[in-house]
Structure formats: C-alpha cells, structure tokens
C-alpha cells in the first residue's frame, strides 16, 4: 500500500490549500529568494503547489 503525503493530498482529500509563509523576507539573499521562487513556480500553467505569502519590512 502506498501512502500519499504533501500538498496534493491536502488539496485533493481535505479540500485545503497549504500556504508557505515567509517572514522577514527582506533579510533573505537574492539566491534564497530565487530558490523559493523556483520551488513555488513549478507547474506555472496550473494552480501553484505552494502559494506563498511574503512578509518584509521596507528598507
């Protein structure tokens, strides 16, 4: 028997959408921001797997 886990299960079986919340985003380096962007933009022609909410203070 295979056990499914992750955001797809939350969305399909429970009707929930997991959200990635990033606080203090202004402290992240360009490389870190780019990595998060790439991870959250997989399957751009579909609903995002990981909708993200960014929180940062102005410079």
C-alpha atoms as a PDB file:
ATOM      1  CA  UNK A   1       0.000   0.000   0.000  1.00  0.00           C
ATOM      2  CA  UNK A   2       1.304   3.446  -0.922  1.00  0.00           C
ATOM      3  CA  UNK A   3       0.862   6.354   1.452  1.00  0.00           C
ATOM      4  CA  UNK A   4       0.476   9.739  -0.234  1.00  0.00           C
ATOM      5  CA  UNK A   5       1.640  12.849   1.554  1.00  0.00           C
ATOM      6  CA  UNK A   6       2.183  16.505   0.863  1.00  0.00           C
ATOM      7  CA  UNK A   7       0.288  19.470  -0.521  1.00  0.00           C
ATOM      8  CA  UNK A   8      -1.511  17.443  -3.202  1.00  0.00           C
ATOM      9  CA  UNK A   9      -3.149  15.297  -0.520  1.00  0.00           C
ATOM     10  CA  UNK A  10      -4.198  18.348   1.490  1.00  0.00           C
ATOM     11  CA  UNK A  11      -5.784  19.890  -1.588  1.00  0.00           C
ATOM     12  CA  UNK A  12      -7.448  16.776  -3.013  1.00  0.00           C
ATOM     13  CA  UNK A  13      -8.562  14.827   0.040  1.00  0.00           C
ATOM     14  CA  UNK A  14      -9.150  17.510   2.630  1.00  0.00           C
ATOM     15  CA  UNK A  15     -10.081  20.488   0.467  1.00  0.00           C
ATOM     16  CA  UNK A  16      -7.296  22.608   1.954  1.00  0.00           C
ATOM     17  CA  UNK A  17      -4.538  24.550   0.250  1.00  0.00           C
ATOM     18  CA  UNK A  18      -1.211  24.655   2.102  1.00  0.00           C
ATOM     19  CA  UNK A  19       0.404  28.107   2.102  1.00  0.00           C
ATOM     20  CA  UNK A  20       4.096  28.876   2.537  1.00  0.00           C
ATOM     21  CA  UNK A  21       4.516  31.916   4.824  1.00  0.00           C
ATOM     22  CA  UNK A  22       7.906  33.631   4.780  1.00  0.00           C
ATOM     23  CA  UNK A  23       8.503  36.222   7.484  1.00  0.00           C
ATOM     24  CA  UNK A  24      11.472  38.597   7.466  1.00  0.00           C
ATOM     25  CA  UNK A  25      11.823  38.093   3.711  1.00  0.00           C
ATOM     26  CA  UNK A  26      13.805  41.333   3.473  1.00  0.00           C
ATOM     27  CA  UNK A  27      16.689  39.537   5.215  1.00  0.00           C
ATOM     28  CA  UNK A  28      16.904  36.832   2.547  1.00  0.00           C
ATOM     29  CA  UNK A  29      19.650  36.886  -0.066  1.00  0.00           C
ATOM     30  CA  UNK A  30      18.902  37.037  -3.771  1.00  0.00           C
ATOM     31  CA  UNK A  31      19.828  33.358  -4.101  1.00  0.00           C
ATOM     32  CA  UNK A  32      17.419  32.375  -1.316  1.00  0.00           C
ATOM     33  CA  UNK A  33      14.599  34.417  -2.848  1.00  0.00           C
ATOM     34  CA  UNK A  34      15.250  32.866  -6.244  1.00  0.00           C
ATOM     35  CA  UNK A  35      15.214  29.360  -4.761  1.00  0.00           C
ATOM     36  CA  UNK A  36      11.834  29.944  -3.119  1.00  0.00           C
ATOM     37  CA  UNK A  37      10.502  31.449  -6.345  1.00  0.00           C
ATOM     38  CA  UNK A  38      11.611  28.426  -8.350  1.00  0.00           C
ATOM     39  CA  UNK A  39      10.082  25.997  -5.842  1.00  0.00           C
ATOM     40  CA  UNK A  40       6.751  27.813  -5.764  1.00  0.00           C
ATOM     41  CA  UNK A  41       6.505  28.311  -9.559  1.00  0.00           C
ATOM     42  CA  UNK A  42       6.647  24.663 -10.563  1.00  0.00           C
ATOM     43  CA  UNK A  43       3.830  23.945 -12.999  1.00  0.00           C
ATOM     44  CA  UNK A  44       3.201  27.590 -13.870  1.00  0.00           C
ATOM     45  CA  UNK A  45       0.264  26.645 -16.120  1.00  0.00           C
ATOM     46  CA  UNK A  46      -1.523  25.110 -13.121  1.00  0.00           C
ATOM     47  CA  UNK A  47      -2.581  26.245  -9.683  1.00  0.00           C
ATOM     48  CA  UNK A  48       0.602  26.866  -7.658  1.00  0.00           C
ATOM     49  CA  UNK A  49       1.579  23.909  -5.473  1.00  0.00           C
ATOM     50  CA  UNK A  50       2.832  26.219  -2.777  1.00  0.00           C
ATOM     51  CA  UNK A  51       1.130  29.602  -2.734  1.00  0.00           C
ATOM     52  CA  UNK A  52       3.457  31.943  -0.836  1.00  0.00           C
ATOM     53  CA  UNK A  53       2.856  34.886   1.460  1.00  0.00           C
ATOM     54  CA  UNK A  54       5.884  37.156   1.864  1.00  0.00           C
ATOM     55  CA  UNK A  55       6.329  39.463   4.837  1.00  0.00           C
ATOM     56  CA  UNK A  56       9.052  42.099   4.947  1.00  0.00           C
ATOM     57  CA  UNK A  57       9.858  45.496   6.365  1.00  0.00           C
ATOM     58  CA  UNK A  58      10.572  48.380   3.997  1.00  0.00           C
ATOM     59  CA  UNK A  59      14.273  49.178   3.502  1.00  0.00           C
END
